[in-house]
């Protein structure tokens, strides 16, 4: 039921009812001062409206109820529509503010994502370009490696061919140089000394090689310590050259006095003619062989060999790399 004073729903136990036969309205404890009404008065209690009609008499239905009767507490009815509207308006305002903030954040996020996408596209383009460049560089690297192998092979082939062109030649080192020397006579004397029949017609040409040495003077005495230029002899036939070398190797310690050369005796060496690269390799091979306990190092037909000692196999040295591998192997064996 509803309270006749404040129009709120109330329960029967918490209300008081007008005893007038023509009224029967109920009021809540907030509108009626129940504490001031005894139980006896409750059975005869009448609402303020009925009490007012009895005192004045007649039809007083249009007479207003007193605003503050002695035993009724009147409470101003709340303006439900205005309060709810103001609350709704405030909530809408707050929601609008929040939505505006969220929208601004979404706009910022959208711009950030768009900027990130642009940067990512730039990075991907650069990445793809870098990948293409890396592939191109890898291809070029493989091509360079292939070309290096080809160049090395061609260099070895050229060196071999150049060395083959020198197979008819020998090199004489340590022969004193004079202004009036006769090299043909000297080589024929050397052949006679070692027991080889050699004629001038067996020789294609003979000459000294290298820059000419300045003459020894009092002002430049240090030039006397320099070795004379080597002599190169080219035979018409390789068999005659090999025969001459074999015989000359059997006669060790051949000196300039044995070849009718004036002056103090000098040790003379007869060797195969080598290319510049093979000459440097032969020099390094002899030095390394001596340092690492290889007792033999020799050259035959343009090929360089080393042997550790008698009974051991001969090792062919084709390049400085072979020499380094040989020395590395020797050091590893010694350390074990």
Protein backbone atom coordinates (compact mmCIF):
# COMPACT_ATOMS: atom_id res chain seq x y z
CA UNK A 1 0.00 0.00 0.00
CA UNK A 2 1.00 3.67 -0.36
CA UNK A 3 1.41 6.28 2.33
CA UNK A 4 -1.26 9.02 2.04
CA UNK A 5 1.29 11.58 3.21
CA UNK A 6 4.45 10.90 1.11
CA UNK A 7 2.99 8.50 -1.48
CA UNK A 8 5.69 5.88 -0.78
CA UNK A 9 5.05 2.16 -0.56
CA UNK A 10 4.75 1.02 3.04
CA UNK A 11 4.08 -2.20 4.91
CA UNK A 12 1.04 -2.73 7.07
CA UNK A 13 3.06 -3.43 10.21
CA UNK A 14 4.96 -0.19 9.90
CA UNK A 15 1.90 2.05 9.30
CA UNK A 16 -1.09 3.52 11.09
CA UNK A 17 -4.60 3.61 9.60
CA UNK A 18 -7.29 6.22 9.98
CA UNK A 19 -10.30 4.82 11.92
CA UNK A 20 -12.85 7.04 10.22
CA UNK A 21 -15.42 4.97 8.34
CA UNK A 22 -15.30 7.32 5.38
CA UNK A 23 -11.45 7.54 5.16
CA UNK A 24 -9.41 4.42 5.84
CA UNK A 25 -6.10 6.06 4.69
CA UNK A 26 -2.80 4.70 5.95
CA UNK A 27 0.31 6.71 6.87
CA UNK A 28 3.95 5.67 7.40
CA UNK A 29 5.83 6.18 10.63
CA UNK A 30 7.83 9.01 9.02
CA UNK A 31 4.74 11.07 8.32
CA UNK A 32 3.03 10.33 11.70
CA UNK A 33 4.72 10.78 15.07
CA UNK A 34 3.88 7.27 16.22
CA UNK A 35 5.85 7.56 19.44
CA UNK A 36 3.47 10.23 20.74
CA UNK A 37 0.40 8.03 20.11
CA UNK A 38 -0.51 5.36 22.69
CA UNK A 39 -1.99 2.00 21.83
CA UNK A 40 -5.44 3.12 23.05
CA UNK A 41 -5.35 6.19 20.79
CA UNK A 42 -4.36 4.06 17.81
CA UNK A 43 -7.78 2.37 17.92
CA UNK A 44 -9.52 5.76 17.74
CA UNK A 45 -6.89 7.71 15.72
CA UNK A 46 -8.08 9.70 12.80
CA UNK A 47 -6.03 11.38 10.19
CA UNK A 48 -5.64 15.20 10.21
CA UNK A 49 -8.00 15.55 7.27
CA UNK A 50 -10.86 13.73 9.05
CA UNK A 51 -10.22 15.66 12.27
CA UNK A 52 -10.44 18.97 10.41
CA UNK A 53 -13.77 18.07 8.76
CA UNK A 54 -15.33 17.11 12.09
CA UNK A 55 -14.41 20.40 13.79
CA UNK A 56 -15.55 22.73 11.05
CA UNK A 57 -18.56 20.71 10.00
CA UNK A 58 -20.07 20.54 6.59
CA UNK A 59 -18.33 19.45 3.46
CA UNK A 60 -14.74 20.44 3.90
CA UNK A 61 -13.21 18.16 1.34
CA UNK A 62 -11.57 21.16 -0.29
CA UNK A 63 -10.06 22.40 2.97
CA UNK A 64 -6.22 21.90 2.94
CA UNK A 65 -4.47 19.87 5.60
CA UNK A 66 -2.32 21.72 8.10
CA UNK A 67 1.26 21.86 7.10
CA UNK A 68 2.63 20.85 10.45
CA UNK A 69 0.09 19.15 12.76
CA UNK A 70 1.02 18.19 16.23
CA UNK A 71 1.34 14.49 15.61
CA UNK A 72 2.24 14.35 11.87
CA UNK A 73 5.62 15.07 10.33
CA UNK A 74 5.30 16.26 6.75
CA UNK A 75 8.28 15.76 4.41
CA UNK A 76 8.75 17.57 1.15
CA UNK A 77 8.31 15.21 -1.73
CA UNK A 78 11.42 15.01 -3.85
CA UNK A 79 11.34 16.26 -7.40
CA UNK A 80 12.04 12.90 -8.96
CA UNK A 81 11.94 14.02 -12.56
CA UNK A 82 14.29 17.00 -12.09
CA UNK A 83 16.80 15.03 -9.94
CA UNK A 84 16.93 12.10 -12.30
CA UNK A 85 17.36 14.39 -15.27
CA UNK A 86 20.20 16.27 -13.61
CA UNK A 87 21.87 12.97 -12.70
CA UNK A 88 21.43 11.68 -16.22
CA UNK A 89 22.78 14.94 -17.62
CA UNK A 90 25.84 14.74 -15.35
CA UNK A 91 26.44 11.12 -16.29
CA UNK A 92 26.07 11.95 -19.98
CA UNK A 93 28.53 14.79 -19.54
CA UNK A 94 31.03 12.48 -17.86
CA UNK A 95 30.53 9.82 -20.52
CA UNK A 96 30.95 12.41 -23.26
CA UNK A 97 34.19 13.61 -21.65
CA UNK A 98 35.46 10.03 -21.35
CA UNK A 99 34.49 9.24 -24.94
CA UNK A 100 36.26 12.39 -26.10
CA UNK A 101 39.40 11.36 -24.20
CA UNK A 102 39.21 7.83 -25.61
CA UNK A 103 38.67 9.25 -29.11
CA UNK A 104 41.73 11.49 -28.77
CA UNK A 105 43.80 8.56 -27.56
CA UNK A 106 42.53 6.43 -30.44
CA UNK A 107 43.43 9.20 -32.89
CA UNK A 108 46.94 9.39 -31.41
CA UNK A 109 47.23 5.62 -31.53
CA UNK A 110 46.05 5.58 -35.16
CA UNK A 111 48.64 8.18 -36.12
CA UNK A 112 51.34 6.28 -34.24
CA UNK A 113 50.39 3.02 -35.97
CA UNK A 114 50.34 4.77 -39.36
CA UNK A 115 53.80 6.26 -38.69
CA UNK A 116 55.07 2.87 -37.50
CA UNK A 117 53.71 1.21 -40.65
CA UNK A 118 55.49 3.78 -42.82
CA UNK A 119 58.75 3.23 -40.97
CA UNK A 120 58.27 -0.53 -41.17
CA UNK A 121 57.72 -0.31 -44.92
CA UNK A 122 60.92 1.73 -45.26
CA UNK A 123 62.82 -0.80 -43.15
CA UNK A 124 61.45 -3.68 -45.23
CA UNK A 125 62.46 -1.94 -48.45
CA UNK A 126 65.96 -1.39 -47.09
CA UNK A 127 66.04 -4.98 -45.82
CA UNK A 128 65.06 -6.33 -49.24
CA UNK A 129 67.65 -4.13 -50.90
CA UNK A 130 70.28 -5.33 -48.40
CA UNK A 131 69.32 -8.97 -49.07
CA UNK A 132 69.65 -8.44 -52.81
CA UNK A 133 73.02 -6.77 -52.28
CA UNK A 134 74.18 -9.60 -50.00
CA UNK A 135 73.14 -12.17 -52.61
CA UNK A 136 74.98 -10.19 -55.28
CA UNK A 137 78.07 -9.92 -53.06
CA UNK A 138 77.95 -13.65 -52.28
CA UNK A 139 77.70 -14.38 -56.00
CA UNK A 140 80.61 -12.06 -56.71
CA UNK A 141 82.59 -13.64 -53.86
CA UNK A 142 82.08 -17.06 -55.40
CA UNK A 143 83.09 -15.66 -58.76
CA UNK A 144 86.19 -14.05 -57.23
CA UNK A 145 87.12 -17.32 -55.52
CA UNK A 146 86.68 -19.14 -58.81
CA UNK A 147 88.77 -16.50 -60.59
CA UNK A 148 91.45 -16.73 -57.90
CA UNK A 149 91.63 -20.48 -58.40
CA UNK A 150 91.81 -19.95 -62.16
CA UNK A 151 94.50 -17.27 -61.82
CA UNK A 152 96.51 -19.48 -59.47
CA UNK A 153 96.21 -22.37 -61.91
CA UNK A 154 97.26 -20.13 -64.80
CA UNK A 155 100.17 -18.76 -62.77
CA UNK A 156 101.35 -22.27 -61.98
CA UNK A 157 100.94 -23.26 -65.62
CA UNK A 158 102.80 -20.16 -66.77
CA UNK A 159 105.56 -20.76 -64.22
CA UNK A 160 105.85 -24.37 -65.38
CA UNK A 161 105.98 -23.29 -69.01
CA UNK A 162 108.57 -20.62 -68.23
CA UNK A 163 110.67 -23.13 -66.34
CA UNK A 164 110.42 -25.57 -69.28
CA UNK A 165 111.81 -22.86 -71.54
CA UNK A 166 114.92 -22.77 -69.33
CA UNK A 167 115.65 -26.50 -69.46
CA UNK A 168 118.54 -25.99 -71.88
CA UNK A 169 120.25 -23.40 -69.66
CA UNK A 170 122.60 -23.44 -66.68
CA UNK A 171 123.63 -20.67 -64.31
CA UNK A 172 127.19 -20.14 -63.10
CA UNK A 173 127.52 -18.21 -59.84
CA UNK A 174 130.73 -16.80 -58.37
CA UNK A 175 132.81 -16.56 -61.59
CA UNK A 176 135.00 -13.44 -61.32
CA UNK A 177 134.15 -10.75 -63.86
CA UNK A 178 136.86 -9.01 -65.87
CA UNK A 179 136.75 -6.57 -68.73
CA UNK A 180 138.60 -8.89 -71.16
CA UNK A 181 136.93 -12.19 -70.19
CA UNK A 182 136.13 -14.89 -72.77
CA UNK A 183 133.13 -16.80 -71.47
CA UNK A 184 133.13 -19.37 -74.28
CA UNK A 185 136.74 -20.28 -73.49
CA UNK A 186 135.96 -20.50 -69.77
CA UNK A 187 133.02 -22.90 -70.23
CA UNK A 188 135.02 -25.10 -72.61
CA UNK A 189 137.83 -25.28 -70.03
CA UNK A 190 135.30 -26.25 -67.34
CA UNK A 191 133.92 -29.04 -69.58
CA UNK A 192 137.43 -30.34 -70.20
CA UNK A 193 138.17 -30.29 -66.46
CA UNK A 194 135.15 -32.54 -65.73
CA UNK A 195 135.72 -34.80 -68.74
CA UNK A 196 132.85 -33.73 -71.01
CA UNK A 197 133.39 -33.31 -74.76
CA UNK A 198 131.98 -29.87 -75.47
CA UNK A 199 132.50 -27.66 -78.50
CA UNK A 200 131.60 -24.07 -79.13
CA UNK A 201 128.93 -25.16 -81.61
CA UNK A 202 127.10 -26.99 -78.78
CA UNK A 203 126.40 -23.63 -77.13
CA UNK A 204 123.57 -21.42 -78.35
CA UNK A 205 124.69 -18.36 -76.38
CA UNK A 206 126.49 -17.38 -73.18
CA UNK A 207 126.25 -14.10 -71.32
CA UNK A 208 126.23 -12.43 -67.94
CA UNK A 209 122.81 -11.34 -66.63
CA UNK A 210 121.76 -8.53 -64.35
CA UNK A 211 122.85 -4.89 -64.00
CA UNK A 212 126.51 -4.21 -64.55
CA UNK A 213 128.58 -3.73 -61.37
CA UNK A 214 130.58 -0.50 -61.02
CA UNK A 215 134.34 -1.02 -61.14
CA UNK A 216 136.20 -1.40 -57.85
CA UNK A 217 137.95 1.87 -56.95
CA UNK A 218 139.67 3.38 -53.98
CA UNK A 219 136.66 5.64 -53.45
CA UNK A 220 134.24 2.68 -53.50
CA UNK A 221 136.07 -0.24 -51.88
CA UNK A 222 132.82 -1.82 -50.70
CA UNK A 223 131.98 -2.77 -54.31
CA UNK A 224 134.75 -5.36 -54.13
CA UNK A 225 132.65 -7.32 -51.61
CA UNK A 226 129.76 -7.71 -54.06
CA UNK A 227 129.35 -10.98 -55.94
CA UNK A 228 129.97 -10.84 -59.69
CA UNK A 229 127.04 -11.11 -62.06
CA UNK A 230 125.96 -14.69 -62.76
CA UNK A 231 126.73 -16.28 -66.13
CA UNK A 232 123.97 -17.99 -68.12
CA UNK A 233 124.81 -20.64 -70.70
CA UNK A 234 122.19 -21.91 -73.14
CA UNK A 235 122.93 -25.26 -74.80
CA UNK A 236 121.46 -26.24 -78.14
CA UNK A 237 120.51 -29.66 -76.79
CA UNK A 238 119.19 -30.47 -73.35
CA UNK A 239 120.99 -33.85 -73.31
CA UNK A 240 124.33 -32.05 -73.59
CA UNK A 241 123.31 -29.68 -70.76
CA UNK A 242 122.26 -32.59 -68.50
CA UNK A 243 125.52 -34.40 -69.24
CA UNK A 244 127.55 -31.32 -68.41
CA UNK A 245 125.66 -30.71 -65.13
CA UNK A 246 125.98 -34.32 -64.05
CA UNK A 247 129.71 -34.25 -64.62
CA UNK A 248 130.20 -30.87 -62.97
CA UNK A 249 128.28 -32.01 -59.85
CA UNK A 250 130.66 -34.95 -59.45
CA UNK A 251 133.58 -32.51 -59.30
CA UNK A 252 133.08 -30.57 -56.12
CA UNK A 253 134.97 -27.50 -54.94
CA UNK A 254 135.66 -26.24 -58.46
CA UNK A 255 137.36 -22.83 -58.21
CA UNK A 256 138.25 -19.97 -60.55
CA UNK A 257 141.90 -21.06 -60.67
CA UNK A 258 140.77 -24.40 -62.16
CA UNK A 259 139.21 -22.44 -65.05
CA UNK A 260 142.37 -20.40 -65.86
CA UNK A 261 140.87 -17.21 -64.40
CA UNK A 262 143.46 -14.82 -62.99
CA UNK A 263 143.22 -13.51 -59.47
CA UNK A 264 142.67 -15.10 -56.08
CA UNK A 265 140.77 -18.42 -56.24
CA UNK A 266 136.98 -18.15 -55.86
CA UNK A 267 134.45 -20.96 -55.36
CA UNK A 268 132.26 -21.41 -58.46
CA UNK A 269 128.80 -23.04 -58.50
CA UNK A 270 127.05 -24.57 -61.52
CA UNK A 271 123.24 -24.90 -61.23
CA UNK A 272 120.17 -25.32 -63.36
CA UNK A 273 118.68 -22.06 -64.56
CA UNK A 274 115.53 -21.29 -62.54
CA UNK A 275 112.83 -18.66 -62.87
CA UNK A 276 112.80 -15.78 -60.42
CA UNK A 277 109.99 -17.39 -58.39
CA UNK A 278 111.62 -20.83 -58.32
CA UNK A 279 114.98 -19.29 -57.42
CA UNK A 280 113.41 -17.58 -54.38
CA UNK A 281 111.57 -20.80 -53.50
CA UNK A 282 114.78 -22.84 -53.77
CA UNK A 283 116.59 -20.34 -51.53
CA UNK A 284 113.83 -20.48 -48.88
CA UNK A 285 113.65 -24.28 -49.12
CA UNK A 286 117.39 -24.63 -48.43
CA UNK A 287 117.13 -22.22 -45.48
CA UNK A 288 114.06 -23.91 -43.98
CA UNK A 289 115.43 -27.40 -44.56
CA UNK A 290 118.60 -26.53 -42.67
CA UNK A 291 116.61 -24.98 -39.79
CA UNK A 292 114.26 -27.96 -39.36
CA UNK A 293 116.64 -30.88 -39.74
CA UNK A 294 116.27 -31.77 -43.44
CA UNK A 295 119.70 -32.90 -44.57
CA UNK A 296 119.07 -32.77 -48.33
CA UNK A 297 117.64 -30.06 -50.59
CA UNK A 298 118.22 -30.14 -54.32
CA UNK A 299 116.79 -29.09 -57.68
CA UNK A 300 116.51 -31.27 -60.77
CA UNK A 301 114.76 -30.41 -64.05
CA UNK A 302 113.29 -27.31 -62.42
CA UNK A 303 111.67 -29.26 -59.57
CA UNK A 304 112.71 -28.70 -55.93
CA UNK A 305 112.97 -31.61 -53.50
CA UNK A 306 113.85 -32.01 -49.82
CA UNK A 307 114.69 -35.15 -47.87
CA UNK A 308 115.07 -35.47 -44.12
CA UNK A 309 117.77 -38.13 -44.19
CA UNK A 310 118.93 -41.19 -46.10
CA UNK A 311 116.17 -43.76 -46.50
CA UNK A 312 113.38 -41.19 -46.23
CA UNK A 313 111.26 -40.34 -49.30
CA UNK A 314 111.94 -37.18 -51.28
CA UNK A 315 109.28 -34.44 -50.91
CA UNK A 316 108.41 -32.23 -53.87
CA UNK A 317 108.09 -28.51 -53.10
CA UNK A 318 105.92 -26.75 -55.70
CA UNK A 319 105.16 -23.51 -53.81
CA UNK A 320 105.73 -21.65 -50.58
CA UNK A 321 102.47 -23.14 -49.32
CA UNK A 322 103.93 -26.66 -49.70
CA UNK A 323 106.98 -25.45 -47.82
CA UNK A 324 104.87 -24.03 -44.97
CA UNK A 325 102.84 -27.25 -44.72
CA UNK A 326 106.05 -29.28 -44.61
CA UNK A 327 107.54 -27.14 -41.84
CA UNK A 328 104.25 -27.20 -39.87
CA UNK A 329 104.16 -30.97 -40.13
CA UNK A 330 107.76 -31.18 -39.03
CA UNK A 331 107.14 -28.96 -35.99
CA UNK A 332 104.06 -31.02 -35.00
CA UNK A 333 106.05 -34.26 -35.25
CA UNK A 334 108.90 -32.82 -33.14
CA UNK A 335 106.47 -31.59 -30.45
CA UNK A 336 104.89 -35.07 -30.17
